[in-house]
Amino acid sequence: MHLHANRGSAIAKIVGANAAKYDTFETTVNMWVFEETVNGRKLTEIINTEHENVKYLPGHKLPPNVVSKKTLFDVKSDTVPSLFEVAMSLMFHHISFLFISWLFQTWLSLLKELTS
């Protein structure tokens, strides 16, 4: 998940708490975070070890089932629901990336079917 960072982390906190509370949901919540360095450490590492987005939502602990991922490929899962929110200024770049990724996956699936 990447929104305008503080809102994305706030939503991840709520979604993570609800996912852990109810048996209906998968408990792991993947959150895409634009990789940045904060005080010499990677932001994804800080979030995954300290359960806090110290740059954009300091002082608010994230549930331990919220897992920070540094690439969109890491977030994508067939079993774990993922939430994507992107700042409007980055929207075109990310939509293009997701579309190209989808085309590539579709092409690979088709290739597998043709060769089997």
PDB file of N, CA and C in Angstrom:
ATOM      1  N   MET A   1       0.853  -1.158   0.000  1.00  0.00           N
ATOM      2  CA  MET A   1       0.000   0.000   0.000  1.00  0.00           C
ATOM      3  C   MET A   1       0.899   1.220   0.000  1.00  0.00           C
ATOM      4  N   HIS A   2       0.591   2.143  -0.859  1.00  0.00           N
ATOM      5  CA  HIS A   2       1.288   3.422  -0.806  1.00  0.00           C
ATOM      6  C   HIS A   2       0.253   4.478  -1.157  1.00  0.00           C
ATOM      7  N   LEU A   3      -0.026   5.305  -0.256  1.00  0.00           N
ATOM      8  CA  LEU A   3      -0.977   6.380  -0.490  1.00  0.00           C
ATOM      9  C   LEU A   3      -0.120   7.601  -0.357  1.00  0.00           C
ATOM     10  N   HIS A   4      -0.592   8.576   0.246  1.00  0.00           N
ATOM     11  CA  HIS A   4       0.289   9.655   0.621  1.00  0.00           C
ATOM     12  C   HIS A   4       0.745   9.229   1.995  1.00  0.00           C
ATOM     13  N   ALA A   5       1.715   8.399   2.028  1.00  0.00           N
ATOM     14  CA  ALA A   5       2.348   7.652   3.098  1.00  0.00           C
ATOM     15  C   ALA A   5       1.678   7.625   4.465  1.00  0.00           C
ATOM     16  N   ASN A   6       1.363   8.757   5.076  1.00  0.00           N
ATOM     17  CA  ASN A   6       0.771   8.694   6.414  1.00  0.00           C
ATOM     18  C   ASN A   6      -0.629   8.101   6.362  1.00  0.00           C
ATOM     19  N   ARG A   7      -1.402   8.427   5.328  1.00  0.00           N
ATOM     20  CA  ARG A   7      -2.748   7.852   5.209  1.00  0.00           C
ATOM     21  C   ARG A   7      -2.673   6.375   4.887  1.00  0.00           C
ATOM     22  N   GLY A   8      -1.723   5.979   4.062  1.00  0.00           N
ATOM     23  CA  GLY A   8      -1.546   4.565   3.738  1.00  0.00           C
ATOM     24  C   GLY A   8      -1.211   3.745   4.963  1.00  0.00           C
ATOM     25  N   SER A   9      -0.342   4.263   5.807  1.00  0.00           N
ATOM     26  CA  SER A   9       0.013   3.552   7.035  1.00  0.00           C
ATOM     27  C   SER A   9      -1.161   3.507   8.005  1.00  0.00           C
ATOM     28  N   ALA A  10      -1.933   4.573   8.068  1.00  0.00           N
ATOM     29  CA  ALA A  10      -3.112   4.597   8.937  1.00  0.00           C
ATOM     30  C   ALA A  10      -4.137   3.556   8.473  1.00  0.00           C
ATOM     31  N   ILE A  11      -4.343   3.455   7.158  1.00  0.00           N
ATOM     32  CA  ILE A  11      -5.274   2.449   6.632  1.00  0.00           C
ATOM     33  C   ILE A  11      -4.740   1.048   6.892  1.00  0.00           C
ATOM     34  N   ALA A  12      -3.435   0.840   6.712  1.00  0.00           N
ATOM     35  CA  ALA A  12      -2.826  -0.466   6.979  1.00  0.00           C
ATOM     36  C   ALA A  12      -3.008  -0.863   8.438  1.00  0.00           C
ATOM     37  N   LYS A  13      -2.919   0.099   9.324  1.00  0.00           N
ATOM     38  CA  LYS A  13      -3.113  -0.167  10.755  1.00  0.00           C
ATOM     39  C   LYS A  13      -4.529  -0.679  11.016  1.00  0.00           C
ATOM     40  N   ILE A  14      -5.521  -0.054  10.398  1.00  0.00           N
ATOM     41  CA  ILE A  14      -6.923  -0.456  10.580  1.00  0.00           C
ATOM     42  C   ILE A  14      -7.187  -1.814   9.929  1.00  0.00           C
ATOM     43  N   VAL A  15      -6.722  -1.973   8.689  1.00  0.00           N
ATOM     44  CA  VAL A  15      -6.934  -3.238   7.977  1.00  0.00           C
ATOM     45  C   VAL A  15      -6.231  -4.379   8.707  1.00  0.00           C
ATOM     46  N   GLY A  16      -5.003  -4.142   9.169  1.00  0.00           N
ATOM     47  CA  GLY A  16      -4.267  -5.174   9.897  1.00  0.00           C
ATOM     48  C   GLY A  16      -4.958  -5.588  11.178  1.00  0.00           C
ATOM     49  N   ALA A  17      -5.476  -4.622  11.920  1.00  0.00           N
ATOM     50  CA  ALA A  17      -6.187  -4.927  13.170  1.00  0.00           C
ATOM     51  C   ALA A  17      -7.444  -5.746  12.887  1.00  0.00           C
ATOM     52  N   ASN A  18      -8.182  -5.371  11.847  1.00  0.00           N
ATOM     53  CA  ASN A  18      -9.401  -6.113  11.507  1.00  0.00           C
ATOM     54  C   ASN A  18      -9.095  -7.502  10.952  1.00  0.00           C
ATOM     55  N   ALA A  19      -8.052  -7.624  10.158  1.00  0.00           N
ATOM     56  CA  ALA A  19      -7.680  -8.931   9.609  1.00  0.00           C
ATOM     57  C   ALA A  19      -7.283  -9.897  10.721  1.00  0.00           C
ATOM     58  N   ALA A  20      -6.617  -9.386  11.735  1.00  0.00           N
ATOM     59  CA  ALA A  20      -6.206 -10.232  12.857  1.00  0.00           C
ATOM     60  C   ALA A  20      -7.389 -10.592  13.761  1.00  0.00           C
ATOM     61  N   LYS A  21      -8.374  -9.724  13.817  1.00  0.00           N
ATOM     62  CA  LYS A  21      -9.497  -9.915  14.733  1.00  0.00           C
ATOM     63  C   LYS A  21     -10.507 -10.946  14.239  1.00  0.00           C
ATOM     64  N   TYR A  22     -10.715 -11.037  12.938  1.00  0.00           N
ATOM     65  CA  TYR A  22     -11.773 -11.884  12.391  1.00  0.00           C
ATOM     66  C   TYR A  22     -11.204 -13.089  11.652  1.00  0.00           C
ATOM     67  N   ASP A  23     -11.776 -14.262  11.912  1.00  0.00           N
ATOM     68  CA  ASP A  23     -11.326 -15.496  11.264  1.00  0.00           C
ATOM     69  C   ASP A  23     -11.652 -15.533   9.772  1.00  0.00           C
ATOM     70  N   THR A  24     -12.534 -14.679   9.329  1.00  0.00           N
ATOM     71  CA  THR A  24     -12.970 -14.654   7.934  1.00  0.00           C
ATOM     72  C   THR A  24     -11.844 -14.233   6.993  1.00  0.00           C
ATOM     73  N   PHE A  25     -10.909 -13.439   7.484  1.00  0.00           N
ATOM     74  CA  PHE A  25      -9.875 -12.848   6.633  1.00  0.00           C
ATOM     75  C   PHE A  25      -8.540 -13.563   6.769  1.00  0.00           C
ATOM     76  N   GLU A  26      -7.744 -13.462   5.718  1.00  0.00           N
ATOM     77  CA  GLU A  26      -6.343 -13.851   5.779  1.00  0.00           C
ATOM     78  C   GLU A  26      -5.687 -12.894   6.767  1.00  0.00           C
ATOM     79  N   THR A  27      -4.842 -13.394   7.639  1.00  0.00           N
ATOM     80  CA  THR A  27      -4.312 -12.528   8.697  1.00  0.00           C
ATOM     81  C   THR A  27      -3.174 -11.620   8.236  1.00  0.00           C
ATOM     82  N   THR A  28      -2.417 -12.027   7.229  1.00  0.00           N
ATOM     83  CA  THR A  28      -1.301 -11.209   6.753  1.00  0.00           C
ATOM     84  C   THR A  28      -1.807 -10.089   5.851  1.00  0.00           C
ATOM     85  N   VAL A  29      -1.306  -8.890   6.080  1.00  0.00           N
ATOM     86  CA  VAL A  29      -1.638  -7.748   5.235  1.00  0.00           C
ATOM     87  C   VAL A  29      -0.333  -7.231   4.642  1.00  0.00           C
ATOM     88  N   ASN A  30      -0.211  -7.343   3.320  1.00  0.00           N
ATOM     89  CA  ASN A  30       0.977  -6.842   2.632  1.00  0.00           C
ATOM     90  C   ASN A  30       0.799  -5.363   2.342  1.00  0.00           C
ATOM     91  N   MET A  31       1.837  -4.596   2.627  1.00  0.00           N
ATOM     92  CA  MET A  31       1.790  -3.157   2.410  1.00  0.00           C
ATOM     93  C   MET A  31       3.009  -2.764   1.571  1.00  0.00           C
ATOM     94  N   TRP A  32       2.754  -2.222   0.382  1.00  0.00           N
ATOM     95  CA  TRP A  32       3.859  -1.768  -0.438  1.00  0.00           C
ATOM     96  C   TRP A  32       4.323  -0.413   0.062  1.00  0.00           C
ATOM     97  N   VAL A  33       5.630  -0.301   0.268  1.00  0.00           N
ATOM     98  CA  VAL A  33       6.242   0.932   0.760  1.00  0.00           C
ATOM     99  C   VAL A  33       7.354   1.323  -0.194  1.00  0.00           C
ATOM    100  N   PHE A  34       7.319   2.564  -0.644  1.00  0.00           N
ATOM    101  CA  PHE A  34       8.400   3.074  -1.477  1.00  0.00           C
ATOM    102  C   PHE A  34       9.674   3.052  -0.639  1.00  0.00           C
ATOM    103  N   GLU A  35      10.677   2.335  -1.122  1.00  0.00           N
ATOM    104  CA  GLU A  35      11.896   2.147  -0.329  1.00  0.00           C
ATOM    105  C   GLU A  35      12.664   3.451  -0.167  1.00  0.00           C
ATOM    106  N   GLU A  36      12.860   3.826   1.067  1.00  0.00           N
ATOM    107  CA  GLU A  36      13.628   5.029   1.408  1.00  0.00           C
ATOM    108  C   GLU A  36      14.578   4.682   2.542  1.00  0.00           C
ATOM    109  N   THR A  37      15.584   5.495   2.700  1.00  0.00           N
ATOM    110  CA  THR A  37      16.495   5.324   3.821  1.00  0.00           C
ATOM    111  C   THR A  37      16.177   6.372   4.885  1.00  0.00           C
ATOM    112  N   VAL A  38      15.978   5.898   6.106  1.00  0.00           N
ATOM    113  CA  VAL A  38      15.673   6.773   7.235  1.00  0.00           C
ATOM    114  C   VAL A  38      16.701   6.484   8.327  1.00  0.00           C
ATOM    115  N   ASN A  39      17.483   7.482   8.669  1.00  0.00           N
ATOM    116  CA  ASN A  39      18.535   7.325   9.682  1.00  0.00           C
ATOM    117  C   ASN A  39      19.438   6.133   9.390  1.00  0.00           C
ATOM    118  N   GLY A  40      19.787   5.963   8.114  1.00  0.00           N
ATOM    119  CA  GLY A  40      20.709   4.907   7.714  1.00  0.00           C
ATOM    120  C   GLY A  40      20.094   3.525   7.576  1.00  0.00           C
ATOM    121  N   ARG A  41      18.793   3.396   7.752  1.00  0.00           N
ATOM    122  CA  ARG A  41      18.122   2.096   7.641  1.00  0.00           C
ATOM    123  C   ARG A  41      17.031   2.159   6.581  1.00  0.00           C
ATOM    124  N   LYS A  42      16.748   1.021   5.972  1.00  0.00           N
ATOM    125  CA  LYS A  42      15.667   0.961   4.985  1.00  0.00           C
ATOM    126  C   LYS A  42      14.329   1.041   5.711  1.00  0.00           C
ATOM    127  N   LEU A  43      13.421   1.824   5.142  1.00  0.00           N
ATOM    128  CA  LEU A  43      12.116   2.025   5.769  1.00  0.00           C
ATOM    129  C   LEU A  43      11.346   0.712   5.911  1.00  0.00           C
ATOM    130  N   THR A  44      11.436  -0.165   4.907  1.00  0.00           N
ATOM    131  CA  THR A  44      10.734  -1.450   5.007  1.00  0.00           C
ATOM    132  C   THR A  44      11.265  -2.274   6.179  1.00  0.00           C
ATOM    133  N   GLU A  45      12.556  -2.227   6.384  1.00  0.00           N
ATOM    134  CA  GLU A  45      13.164  -2.952   7.506  1.00  0.00           C
ATOM    135  C   GLU A  45      12.668  -2.395   8.846  1.00  0.00           C
ATOM    136  N   ILE A  46      12.611  -1.081   8.955  1.00  0.00           N
ATOM    137  CA  ILE A  46      12.134  -0.449  10.196  1.00  0.00           C
ATOM    138  C   ILE A  46      10.685  -0.843  10.469  1.00  0.00           C
ATOM    139  N   ILE A  47       9.850  -0.764   9.438  1.00  0.00           N
ATOM    140  CA  ILE A  47       8.431  -1.101   9.621  1.00  0.00           C
ATOM    141  C   ILE A  47       8.274  -2.559  10.029  1.00  0.00           C
ATOM    142  N   ASN A  48       9.034  -3.469   9.407  1.00  0.00           N
ATOM    143  CA  ASN A  48       8.887  -4.893   9.708  1.00  0.00           C
ATOM    144  C   ASN A  48       9.473  -5.302  11.052  1.00  0.00           C
ATOM    145  N   THR A  49      10.436  -4.554  11.561  1.00  0.00           N
ATOM    146  CA  THR A  49      11.027  -4.922  12.850  1.00  0.00           C
ATOM    147  C   THR A  49      10.431  -4.137  14.012  1.00  0.00           C
ATOM    148  N   GLU A  50      10.159  -2.856  13.789  1.00  0.00           N
ATOM    149  CA  GLU A  50       9.630  -2.009  14.865  1.00  0.00           C
ATOM    150  C   GLU A  50       8.126  -1.792  14.768  1.00  0.00           C
ATOM    151  N   HIS A  51       7.526  -2.240  13.659  1.00  0.00           N
ATOM    152  CA  HIS A  51       6.074  -2.111  13.424  1.00  0.00           C
ATOM    153  C   HIS A  51       5.606  -0.662  13.538  1.00  0.00           C
ATOM    154  N   GLU A  52       6.394   0.219  12.922  1.00  0.00           N
ATOM    155  CA  GLU A  52       6.048   1.638  12.933  1.00  0.00           C
ATOM    156  C   GLU A  52       6.639   2.298  11.698  1.00  0.00           C
ATOM    157  N   ASN A  53       5.845   3.120  11.025  1.00  0.00           N
ATOM    158  CA  ASN A  53       6.356   3.919   9.916  1.00  0.00           C
ATOM    159  C   ASN A  53       6.889   5.214  10.537  1.00  0.00           C
ATOM    160  N   VAL A  54       8.152   5.163  10.917  1.00  0.00           N
ATOM    161  CA  VAL A  54       8.754   6.261  11.679  1.00  0.00           C
ATOM    162  C   VAL A  54       8.866   7.557  10.881  1.00  0.00           C
ATOM    163  N   LYS A  55       8.795   7.462   9.554  1.00  0.00           N
ATOM    164  CA  LYS A  55       8.903   8.672   8.744  1.00  0.00           C
ATOM    165  C   LYS A  55       7.550   9.346   8.542  1.00  0.00           C
ATOM    166  N   TYR A  56       6.528   8.578   8.223  1.00  0.00           N
ATOM    167  CA  TYR A  56       5.252   9.169   7.835  1.00  0.00           C
ATOM    168  C   TYR A  56       4.137   9.043   8.872  1.00  0.00           C
ATOM    169  N   LEU A  57       4.279   8.136   9.833  1.00  0.00           N
ATOM    170  CA  LEU A  57       3.267   8.003  10.877  1.00  0.00           C
ATOM    171  C   LEU A  57       3.951   7.660  12.200  1.00  0.00           C
ATOM    172  N   PRO A  58       4.848   8.525  12.650  1.00  0.00           N
ATOM    173  CA  PRO A  58       5.590   8.231  13.884  1.00  0.00           C
ATOM    174  C   PRO A  58       4.673   8.214  15.099  1.00  0.00           C
ATOM    175  N   GLY A  59       5.007   7.321  16.024  1.00  0.00           N
ATOM    176  CA  GLY A  59       4.237   7.235  17.271  1.00  0.00           C
ATOM    177  C   GLY A  59       3.018   6.338  17.195  1.00  0.00           C
ATOM    178  N   HIS A  60       2.778   5.730  16.036  1.00  0.00           N
ATOM    179  CA  HIS A  60       1.624   4.837  15.871  1.00  0.00           C
ATOM    180  C   HIS A  60       2.129   3.463  15.465  1.00  0.00           C
ATOM    181  N   LYS A  61       1.966   2.489  16.341  1.00  0.00           N
ATOM    182  CA  LYS A  61       2.409   1.130  16.059  1.00  0.00           C
ATOM    183  C   LYS A  61       1.457   0.454  15.082  1.00  0.00           C
ATOM    184  N   LEU A  62       2.027  -0.270  14.121  1.00  0.00           N
ATOM    185  CA  LEU A  62       1.262  -1.076  13.188  1.00  0.00           C
ATOM    186  C   LEU A  62       1.138  -2.485  13.760  1.00  0.00           C
ATOM    187  N   PRO A  63       0.046  -3.170  13.486  1.00  0.00           N
ATOM    188  CA  PRO A  63      -0.074  -4.546  13.962  1.00  0.00           C
ATOM    189  C   PRO A  63       1.043  -5.411  13.369  1.00  0.00           C
ATOM    190  N   PRO A  64       1.489  -6.429  14.101  1.00  0.00           N
ATOM    191  CA  PRO A  64       2.585  -7.273  13.600  1.00  0.00           C
ATOM    192  C   PRO A  64       2.247  -8.048  12.328  1.00  0.00           C
ATOM    193  N   ASN A  65       0.952  -8.173  11.991  1.00  0.00           N
ATOM    194  CA  ASN A  65       0.575  -8.893  10.772  1.00  0.00           C
ATOM    195  C   ASN A  65       0.639  -8.008   9.527  1.00  0.00           C
ATOM    196  N   VAL A  66       0.962  -6.724   9.686  1.00  0.00           N
ATOM    197  CA  VAL A  66       1.188  -5.836   8.541  1.00  0.00           C
ATOM    198  C   VAL A  66       2.648  -5.991   8.146  1.00  0.00           C
ATOM    199  N   VAL A  67       2.856  -6.450   6.917  1.00  0.00           N
ATOM    200  CA  VAL A  67       4.210  -6.736   6.435  1.00  0.00           C
ATOM    201  C   VAL A  67       4.548  -5.765   5.314  1.00  0.00           C
ATOM    202  N   SER A  68       5.625  -5.035   5.505  1.00  0.00           N
ATOM    203  CA  SER A  68       6.069  -4.043   4.534  1.00  0.00           C
ATOM    204  C   SER A  68       6.874  -4.707   3.431  1.00  0.00           C
ATOM    205  N   LYS A  69       6.531  -4.393   2.186  1.00  0.00           N
ATOM    206  CA  LYS A  69       7.230  -4.944   1.021  1.00  0.00           C
ATOM    207  C   LYS A  69       7.768  -3.799   0.176  1.00  0.00           C
ATOM    208  N   LYS A  70       8.938  -4.002  -0.431  1.00  0.00           N
ATOM    209  CA  LYS A  70       9.559  -2.897  -1.157  1.00  0.00           C
ATOM    210  C   LYS A  70       9.237  -2.852  -2.636  1.00  0.00           C
ATOM    211  N   THR A  71       8.656  -3.912  -3.211  1.00  0.00           N
ATOM    212  CA  THR A  71       8.282  -3.870  -4.625  1.00  0.00           C
ATOM    213  C   THR A  71       6.855  -4.358  -4.794  1.00  0.00           C
ATOM    214  N   LEU A  72       6.237  -3.960  -5.887  1.00  0.00           N
ATOM    215  CA  LEU A  72       4.882  -4.411  -6.186  1.00  0.00           C
ATOM    216  C   LEU A  72       4.840  -5.909  -6.433  1.00  0.00           C
ATOM    217  N   PHE A  73       5.922  -6.472  -6.983  1.00  0.00           N
ATOM    218  CA  PHE A  73       5.970  -7.916  -7.192  1.00  0.00           C
ATOM    219  C   PHE A  73       5.933  -8.665  -5.861  1.00  0.00           C
ATOM    220  N   ASP A  74       6.557  -8.114  -4.833  1.00  0.00           N
ATOM    221  CA  ASP A  74       6.547  -8.751  -3.515  1.00  0.00           C
ATOM    222  C   ASP A  74       5.161  -8.718  -2.889  1.00  0.00           C
ATOM    223  N   VAL A  75       4.399  -7.686  -3.188  1.00  0.00           N
ATOM    224  CA  VAL A  75       3.070  -7.530  -2.588  1.00  0.00           C
ATOM    225  C   VAL A  75       2.063  -8.451  -3.245  1.00  0.00           C
ATOM    226  N   LYS A  76       2.174  -8.636  -4.558  1.00  0.00           N
ATOM    227  CA  LYS A  76       1.197  -9.443  -5.276  1.00  0.00           C
ATOM    228  C   LYS A  76       1.185 -10.870  -4.736  1.00  0.00           C
ATOM    229  N   SER A  77       0.008 -11.366  -4.475  1.00  0.00           N
ATOM    230  CA  SER A  77      -0.148 -12.712  -3.960  1.00  0.00           C
ATOM    231  C   SER A  77      -1.478 -13.270  -4.424  1.00  0.00           C
ATOM    232  N   ASP A  78      -1.506 -14.562  -4.652  1.00  0.00           N
ATOM    233  CA  ASP A  78      -2.765 -15.203  -5.044  1.00  0.00           C
ATOM    234  C   ASP A  78      -3.647 -15.481  -3.838  1.00  0.00           C
ATOM    235  N   THR A  79      -3.063 -15.494  -2.645  1.00  0.00           N
ATOM    236  CA  THR A  79      -3.839 -15.845  -1.458  1.00  0.00           C
ATOM    237  C   THR A  79      -4.019 -14.706  -0.477  1.00  0.00           C
ATOM    238  N   VAL A  80      -3.103 -13.767  -0.460  1.00  0.00           N
ATOM    239  CA  VAL A  80      -3.172 -12.675   0.508  1.00  0.00           C
ATOM    240  C   VAL A  80      -3.741 -11.436  -0.176  1.00  0.00           C
ATOM    241  N   PRO A  81      -4.877 -10.932   0.297  1.00  0.00           N
ATOM    242  CA  PRO A  81      -5.408  -9.700  -0.298  1.00  0.00           C
ATOM    243  C   PRO A  81      -4.419  -8.550  -0.103  1.00  0.00           C
ATOM    244  N   SER A  82      -4.293  -7.732  -1.108  1.00  0.00           N
ATOM    245  CA  SER A  82      -3.365  -6.609  -1.040  1.00  0.00           C
ATOM    246  C   SER A  82      -4.110  -5.324  -1.333  1.00  0.00           C
ATOM    247  N   LEU A  83      -3.677  -4.279  -0.690  1.00  0.00           N
ATOM    248  CA  LEU A  83      -4.309  -2.988  -0.839  1.00  0.00           C
ATOM    249  C   LEU A  83      -3.311  -2.047  -1.491  1.00  0.00           C
ATOM    250  N   PHE A  84      -3.726  -1.386  -2.567  1.00  0.00           N
ATOM    251  CA  PHE A  84      -2.855  -0.444  -3.259  1.00  0.00           C
ATOM    252  C   PHE A  84      -3.540   0.905  -3.287  1.00  0.00           C
ATOM    253  N   GLU A  85      -2.873   1.886  -2.806  1.00  0.00           N
ATOM    254  CA  GLU A  85      -3.328   3.258  -2.978  1.00  0.00           C
ATOM    255  C   GLU A  85      -2.090   4.056  -3.321  1.00  0.00           C
ATOM    256  N   VAL A  86      -2.215   4.884  -4.306  1.00  0.00           N
ATOM    257  CA  VAL A  86      -1.051   5.584  -4.830  1.00  0.00           C
ATOM    258  C   VAL A  86      -1.335   7.074  -4.900  1.00  0.00           C
ATOM    259  N   ALA A  87      -0.350   7.861  -4.533  1.00  0.00           N
ATOM    260  CA  ALA A  87      -0.479   9.313  -4.652  1.00  0.00           C
ATOM    261  C   ALA A  87      -0.752   9.671  -6.107  1.00  0.00           C
ATOM    262  N   MET A  88      -1.626  10.614  -6.334  1.00  0.00           N
ATOM    263  CA  MET A  88      -2.049  10.973  -7.692  1.00  0.00           C
ATOM    264  C   MET A  88      -0.856  11.334  -8.583  1.00  0.00           C
ATOM    265  N   SER A  89       0.146  11.956  -8.018  1.00  0.00           N
ATOM    266  CA  SER A  89       1.294  12.366  -8.831  1.00  0.00           C
ATOM    267  C   SER A  89       2.074  11.169  -9.369  1.00  0.00           C
ATOM    268  N   LEU A  90       1.937  10.002  -8.746  1.00  0.00           N
ATOM    269  CA  LEU A  90       2.650   8.814  -9.191  1.00  0.00           C
ATOM    270  C   LEU A  90       1.744   7.825  -9.928  1.00  0.00           C
ATOM    271  N   MET A  91       0.488   8.157 -10.078  1.00  0.00           N
ATOM    272  CA  MET A  91      -0.513   7.227 -10.600  1.00  0.00           C
ATOM    273  C   MET A  91      -0.141   6.660 -11.972  1.00  0.00           C
ATOM    274  N   PHE A  92       0.204   7.501 -12.935  1.00  0.00           N
ATOM    275  CA  PHE A  92       0.481   7.017 -14.290  1.00  0.00           C
ATOM    276  C   PHE A  92       1.625   6.018 -14.289  1.00  0.00           C
ATOM    277  N   HIS A  93       2.682   6.331 -13.561  1.00  0.00           N
ATOM    278  CA  HIS A  93       3.840   5.443 -13.502  1.00  0.00           C
ATOM    279  C   HIS A  93       3.441   4.067 -12.980  1.00  0.00           C
ATOM    280  N   HIS A  94       2.680   4.018 -11.899  1.00  0.00           N
ATOM    281  CA  HIS A  94       2.332   2.739 -11.284  1.00  0.00           C
ATOM    282  C   HIS A  94       1.297   1.962 -12.087  1.00  0.00           C
ATOM    283  N   ILE A  95       0.344   2.651 -12.679  1.00  0.00           N
ATOM    284  CA  ILE A  95      -0.635   1.959 -13.521  1.00  0.00           C
ATOM    285  C   ILE A  95       0.077   1.346 -14.725  1.00  0.00           C
ATOM    286  N   SER A  96       1.004   2.065 -15.308  1.00  0.00           N
ATOM    287  CA  SER A  96       1.777   1.534 -16.434  1.00  0.00           C
ATOM    288  C   SER A  96       2.547   0.293 -16.006  1.00  0.00           C
ATOM    289  N   PHE A  97       3.168   0.362 -14.859  1.00  0.00           N
ATOM    290  CA  PHE A  97       3.943  -0.768 -14.340  1.00  0.00           C
ATOM    291  C   PHE A  97       3.046  -1.983 -14.112  1.00  0.00           C
ATOM    292  N   LEU A  98       1.886  -1.788 -13.485  1.00  0.00           N
ATOM    293  CA  LEU A  98       0.968  -2.898 -13.226  1.00  0.00           C
ATOM    294  C   LEU A  98       0.441  -3.490 -14.529  1.00  0.00           C
ATOM    295  N   PHE A  99       0.140  -2.653 -15.505  1.00  0.00           N
ATOM    296  CA  PHE A  99      -0.366  -3.137 -16.784  1.00  0.00           C
ATOM    297  C   PHE A  99       0.696  -3.972 -17.508  1.00  0.00           C
ATOM    298  N   ILE A 100       1.915  -3.488 -17.535  1.00  0.00           N
ATOM    299  CA  ILE A 100       2.993  -4.238 -18.183  1.00  0.00           C
ATOM    300  C   ILE A 100       3.231  -5.557 -17.453  1.00  0.00           C
ATOM    301  N   SER A 101       3.169  -5.543 -16.132  1.00  0.00           N
ATOM    302  CA  SER A 101       3.325  -6.774 -15.348  1.00  0.00           C
ATOM    303  C   SER A 101       2.223  -7.765 -15.683  1.00  0.00           C
ATOM    304  N   TRP A 102       0.992  -7.269 -15.794  1.00  0.00           N
ATOM    305  CA  TRP A 102      -0.138  -8.138 -16.132  1.00  0.00           C
ATOM    306  C   TRP A 102       0.037  -8.741 -17.519  1.00  0.00           C
ATOM    307  N   LEU A 103       0.460  -7.909 -18.499  1.00  0.00           N
ATOM    308  CA  LEU A 103       0.695  -8.419 -19.849  1.00  0.00           C
ATOM    309  C   LEU A 103       1.763  -9.511 -19.849  1.00  0.00           C
ATOM    310  N   PHE A 104       2.824  -9.299 -19.119  1.00  0.00           N
ATOM    311  CA  PHE A 104       3.906 -10.274 -19.053  1.00  0.00           C
ATOM    312  C   PHE A 104       3.417 -11.581 -18.435  1.00  0.00           C
ATOM    313  N   GLN A 105       2.654 -11.510 -17.346  1.00  0.00           N
ATOM    314  CA  GLN A 105       2.130 -12.713 -16.701  1.00  0.00           C
ATOM    315  C   GLN A 105       1.156 -13.445 -17.624  1.00  0.00           C
ATOM    316  N   THR A 106       0.334 -12.706 -18.345  1.00  0.00           N
ATOM    317  CA  THR A 106      -0.604 -13.304 -19.291  1.00  0.00           C
ATOM    318  C   THR A 106       0.157 -14.005 -20.410  1.00  0.00           C
ATOM    319  N   TRP A 107       1.189 -13.362 -20.910  1.00  0.00           N
ATOM    320  CA  TRP A 107       2.006 -13.939 -21.958  1.00  0.00           C
ATOM    321  C   TRP A 107       2.670 -15.224 -21.473  1.00  0.00           C
ATOM    322  N   LEU A 108       3.204 -15.238 -20.252  1.00  0.00           N
ATOM    323  CA  LEU A 108       3.838 -16.442 -19.698  1.00  0.00           C
ATOM    324  C   LEU A 108       2.824 -17.579 -19.545  1.00  0.00           C
ATOM    325  N   SER A 109       1.622 -17.246 -19.078  1.00  0.00           N
ATOM    326  CA  SER A 109       0.589 -18.266 -18.932  1.00  0.00           C
ATOM    327  C   SER A 109       0.216 -18.876 -20.276  1.00  0.00           C
ATOM    328  N   LEU A 110       0.072 -18.026 -21.276  1.00  0.00           N
ATOM    329  CA  LEU A 110      -0.246 -18.497 -22.622  1.00  0.00           C
ATOM    330  C   LEU A 110       0.877 -19.373 -23.162  1.00  0.00           C
ATOM    331  N   LEU A 111       2.101 -18.959 -22.964  1.00  0.00           N
ATOM    332  CA  LEU A 111       3.249 -19.724 -23.412  1.00  0.00           C
ATOM    333  C   LEU A 111       3.295 -21.097 -22.753  1.00  0.00           C
ATOM    334  N   LYS A 112       2.994 -21.167 -21.465  1.00  0.00           N
ATOM    335  CA  LYS A 112       2.954 -22.446 -20.756  1.00  0.00           C
ATOM    336  C   LYS A 112       1.902 -23.377 -21.350  1.00  0.00           C
ATOM    337  N   GLU A 113       0.739 -22.819 -21.651  1.00  0.00           N
ATOM    338  CA  GLU A 113      -0.339 -23.629 -22.219  1.00  0.00           C
ATOM    339  C   GLU A 113       0.038 -24.147 -23.596  1.00  0.00           C
ATOM    340  N   LEU A 114       0.691 -23.330 -24.393  1.00  0.00           N
ATOM    341  CA  LEU A 114       1.070 -23.747 -25.743  1.00  0.00           C
ATOM    342  C   LEU A 114       2.171 -24.793 -25.754  1.00  0.00           C
ATOM    343  N   THR A 115       3.038 -24.770 -24.769  1.00  0.00           N
ATOM    344  CA  THR A 115       4.164 -25.704 -24.733  1.00  0.00           C
ATOM    345  C   THR A 115       3.861 -26.975 -23.955  1.00  0.00           C
ATOM    346  N   SER A 116       2.720 -27.052 -23.298  1.00  0.00           N
ATOM    347  CA  SER A 116       2.436 -28.281 -22.540  1.00  0.00           C
ATOM    348  C   SER A 116       1.523 -29.217 -23.278  1.00  0.00           C
TER     349      SER A 116
END
